[in-house]
C-alpha atoms as a PDB file:
ATOM      1  CA  MET A   1       0.000   0.000   0.000  1.00  0.00           C
ATOM      2  CA  THR A   2       1.120   3.501  -0.653  1.00  0.00           C
ATOM      3  CA  ALA A   3       1.373   6.030   2.111  1.00  0.00           C
ATOM      4  CA  GLY A   4      -0.177   8.884   0.078  1.00  0.00           C
ATOM      5  CA  LYS A   5      -3.746   9.275  -1.083  1.00  0.00           C
ATOM      6  CA  ASN A   6      -4.315   8.629  -4.780  1.00  0.00           C
ATOM      7  CA  ASN A   7      -6.524  11.413  -6.126  1.00  0.00           C
ATOM      8  CA  SER A   8      -8.244  10.728  -9.410  1.00  0.00           C
ATOM      9  CA  ARG A   9      -9.109  14.397  -9.909  1.00  0.00           C
ATOM     10  CA  PRO A  10      -6.523  17.202 -10.224  1.00  0.00           C
ATOM     11  CA  PRO A  11      -6.796  20.191  -7.904  1.00  0.00           C
ATOM     12  CA  SER A  12      -9.355  22.789  -8.920  1.00  0.00           C
ATOM     13  CA  ALA A  13      -8.100  25.842 -10.818  1.00  0.00           C
ATOM     14  CA  PHE A  14     -10.667  28.076  -9.115  1.00  0.00           C
ATOM     15  CA  ARG A  15     -12.854  28.110  -6.037  1.00  0.00           C
ATOM     16  CA  GLN A  16     -16.487  29.023  -5.540  1.00  0.00           C
ATOM     17  CA  ARG A  17     -15.433  32.059  -3.527  1.00  0.00           C
ATOM     18  CA  ASP A  18     -13.458  33.333  -6.551  1.00  0.00           C
ATOM     19  CA  VAL A  19     -16.585  33.236  -8.700  1.00  0.00           C
ATOM     20  CA  THR A  20     -18.656  34.833  -5.927  1.00  0.00           C
ATOM     21  CA  ARG A  21     -16.165  37.691  -5.566  1.00  0.00           C
ATOM     22  CA  ALA A  22     -16.139  38.308  -9.320  1.00  0.00           C
ATOM     23  CA  ILE A  23     -19.943  38.393  -9.468  1.00  0.00           C
ATOM     24  CA  ARG A  24     -20.228  40.681  -6.437  1.00  0.00           C
ATOM     25  CA  GLY A  25     -17.651  43.026  -7.949  1.00  0.00           C
ATOM     26  CA  ALA A  26     -19.499  43.184 -11.264  1.00  0.00           C
ATOM     27  CA  VAL A  27     -22.839  43.813  -9.553  1.00  0.00           C
ATOM     28  CA  ALA A  28     -21.266  46.523  -7.370  1.00  0.00           C
ATOM     29  CA  ALA A  29     -19.962  48.158 -10.559  1.00  0.00           C
ATOM     30  CA  GLY A  30     -23.491  48.208 -11.961  1.00  0.00           C
ATOM     31  CA  VAL A  31     -23.059  45.472 -14.562  1.00  0.00           C
ATOM     32  CA  ASP A  32     -26.117  43.422 -15.514  1.00  0.00           C
ATOM     33  CA  ILE A  33     -24.790  39.881 -15.859  1.00  0.00           C
ATOM     34  CA  ALA A  34     -26.060  37.611 -18.627  1.00  0.00           C
ATOM     35  CA  ARG A  35     -23.845  34.665 -17.696  1.00  0.00           C
ATOM     36  CA  VAL A  36     -20.583  33.671 -16.049  1.00  0.00           C
ATOM     37  CA  GLU A  37     -18.113  31.376 -17.796  1.00  0.00           C
ATOM     38  CA  VAL A  38     -15.250  29.529 -16.127  1.00  0.00           C
ATOM     39  CA  THR A  39     -12.593  27.903 -18.318  1.00  0.00           C
ATOM     40  CA  ASN A  40     -10.641  24.757 -17.504  1.00  0.00           C
ATOM     41  CA  ALA A  41      -7.670  26.975 -16.687  1.00  0.00           C
ATOM     42  CA  GLY A  42      -9.718  28.793 -14.039  1.00  0.00           C
ATOM     43  CA  THR A  43     -10.287  32.012 -15.963  1.00  0.00           C
ATOM     44  CA  ILE A  44     -13.559  33.650 -14.894  1.00  0.00           C
ATOM     45  CA  VAL A  45     -15.379  35.562 -17.643  1.00  0.00           C
ATOM     46  CA  ILE A  46     -18.439  37.659 -16.838  1.00  0.00           C
ATOM     47  CA  VAL A  47     -20.621  38.308 -19.875  1.00  0.00           C
ATOM     48  CA  PRO A  48     -22.770  41.434 -19.521  1.00  0.00           C
ATOM     49  CA  ALA A  49     -26.445  41.431 -20.471  1.00  0.00           C
ATOM     50  CA  ALA A  50     -27.391  42.574 -23.972  1.00  0.00           C
ATOM     51  CA  GLY A  51     -28.633  45.974 -22.772  1.00  0.00           C
ATOM     52  CA  ALA A  52     -25.422  46.813 -20.886  1.00  0.00           C
ATOM     53  CA  THR A  53     -23.311  49.620 -22.292  1.00  0.00           C
ATOM     54  CA  THR A  54     -19.566  50.026 -22.322  1.00  0.00           C
ATOM     55  CA  ALA A  55     -17.587  53.270 -22.307  1.00  0.00           C
ATOM     56  CA  GLY A  56     -17.058  53.075 -26.071  1.00  0.00           C
ATOM     57  CA  ALA A  57     -20.757  52.592 -26.735  1.00  0.00           C
ATOM     58  CA  ALA A  58     -21.585  55.354 -24.269  1.00  0.00           C
ATOM     59  CA  ALA A  59     -19.437  57.814 -26.211  1.00  0.00           C
ATOM     60  CA  GLN A  60     -21.253  56.855 -29.412  1.00  0.00           C
ATOM     61  CA  ASN A  61     -24.587  57.415 -27.686  1.00  0.00           C
ATOM     62  CA  GLY A  62     -23.694  61.028 -26.925  1.00  0.00           C
ATOM     63  CA  GLU A  63     -22.634  60.530 -23.318  1.00  0.00           C
ATOM     64  CA  SER A  64     -19.567  62.290 -22.001  1.00  0.00           C
ATOM     65  CA  ALA A  65     -16.316  60.996 -23.465  1.00  0.00           C
ATOM     66  CA  GLU A  66     -14.634  61.986 -20.197  1.00  0.00           C
ATOM     67  CA  THR A  67     -16.175  59.094 -18.272  1.00  0.00           C
ATOM     68  CA  ASN A  68     -13.738  56.506 -17.123  1.00  0.00           C
ATOM     69  CA  GLU A  69     -14.036  53.261 -19.092  1.00  0.00           C
ATOM     70  CA  TRP A  70     -13.536  51.295 -15.867  1.00  0.00           C
ATOM     71  CA  ASP A  71     -16.662  52.829 -14.328  1.00  0.00           C
ATOM     72  CA  ARG A  72     -18.889  50.677 -16.538  1.00  0.00           C
ATOM     73  CA  LEU A  73     -17.297  47.230 -16.449  1.00  0.00           C
END
Protein backbone atom coordinates (compact mmCIF):
# COMPACT_ATOMS: atom_id res chain seq x y z
CA MET A 1 0.00 0.00 0.00
CA THR A 2 1.12 3.50 -0.65
CA ALA A 3 1.37 6.03 2.11
CA GLY A 4 -0.18 8.88 0.08
CA LYS A 5 -3.75 9.27 -1.08
CA ASN A 6 -4.31 8.63 -4.78
CA ASN A 7 -6.52 11.41 -6.13
CA SER A 8 -8.24 10.73 -9.41
CA ARG A 9 -9.11 14.40 -9.91
CA PRO A 10 -6.52 17.20 -10.22
CA PRO A 11 -6.80 20.19 -7.90
CA SER A 12 -9.35 22.79 -8.92
CA ALA A 13 -8.10 25.84 -10.82
CA PHE A 14 -10.67 28.08 -9.12
CA ARG A 15 -12.85 28.11 -6.04
CA GLN A 16 -16.49 29.02 -5.54
CA ARG A 17 -15.43 32.06 -3.53
CA ASP A 18 -13.46 33.33 -6.55
CA VAL A 19 -16.59 33.24 -8.70
CA THR A 20 -18.66 34.83 -5.93
CA ARG A 21 -16.17 37.69 -5.57
CA ALA A 22 -16.14 38.31 -9.32
CA ILE A 23 -19.94 38.39 -9.47
CA ARG A 24 -20.23 40.68 -6.44
CA GLY A 25 -17.65 43.03 -7.95
CA ALA A 26 -19.50 43.18 -11.26
CA VAL A 27 -22.84 43.81 -9.55
CA ALA A 28 -21.27 46.52 -7.37
CA ALA A 29 -19.96 48.16 -10.56
CA GLY A 30 -23.49 48.21 -11.96
CA VAL A 31 -23.06 45.47 -14.56
CA ASP A 32 -26.12 43.42 -15.51
CA ILE A 33 -24.79 39.88 -15.86
CA ALA A 34 -26.06 37.61 -18.63
CA ARG A 35 -23.84 34.67 -17.70
CA VAL A 36 -20.58 33.67 -16.05
CA GLU A 37 -18.11 31.38 -17.80
CA VAL A 38 -15.25 29.53 -16.13
CA THR A 39 -12.59 27.90 -18.32
CA ASN A 40 -10.64 24.76 -17.50
CA ALA A 41 -7.67 26.97 -16.69
CA GLY A 42 -9.72 28.79 -14.04
CA THR A 43 -10.29 32.01 -15.96
CA ILE A 44 -13.56 33.65 -14.89
CA VAL A 45 -15.38 35.56 -17.64
CA ILE A 46 -18.44 37.66 -16.84
CA VAL A 47 -20.62 38.31 -19.87
CA PRO A 48 -22.77 41.43 -19.52
CA ALA A 49 -26.45 41.43 -20.47
CA ALA A 50 -27.39 42.57 -23.97
CA GLY A 51 -28.63 45.97 -22.77
CA ALA A 52 -25.42 46.81 -20.89
CA THR A 53 -23.31 49.62 -22.29
CA THR A 54 -19.57 50.03 -22.32
CA ALA A 55 -17.59 53.27 -22.31
CA GLY A 56 -17.06 53.08 -26.07
CA ALA A 57 -20.76 52.59 -26.74
CA ALA A 58 -21.58 55.35 -24.27
CA ALA A 59 -19.44 57.81 -26.21
CA GLN A 60 -21.25 56.86 -29.41
CA ASN A 61 -24.59 57.42 -27.69
CA GLY A 62 -23.69 61.03 -26.92
CA GLU A 63 -22.63 60.53 -23.32
CA SER A 64 -19.57 62.29 -22.00
CA ALA A 65 -16.32 61.00 -23.46
CA GLU A 66 -14.63 61.99 -20.20
CA THR A 67 -16.17 59.09 -18.27
CA ASN A 68 -13.74 56.51 -17.12
CA GLU A 69 -14.04 53.26 -19.09
CA TRP A 70 -13.54 51.30 -15.87
CA ASP A 71 -16.66 52.83 -14.33
CA ARG A 72 -18.89 50.68 -16.54
CA LEU A 73 -17.30 47.23 -16.45
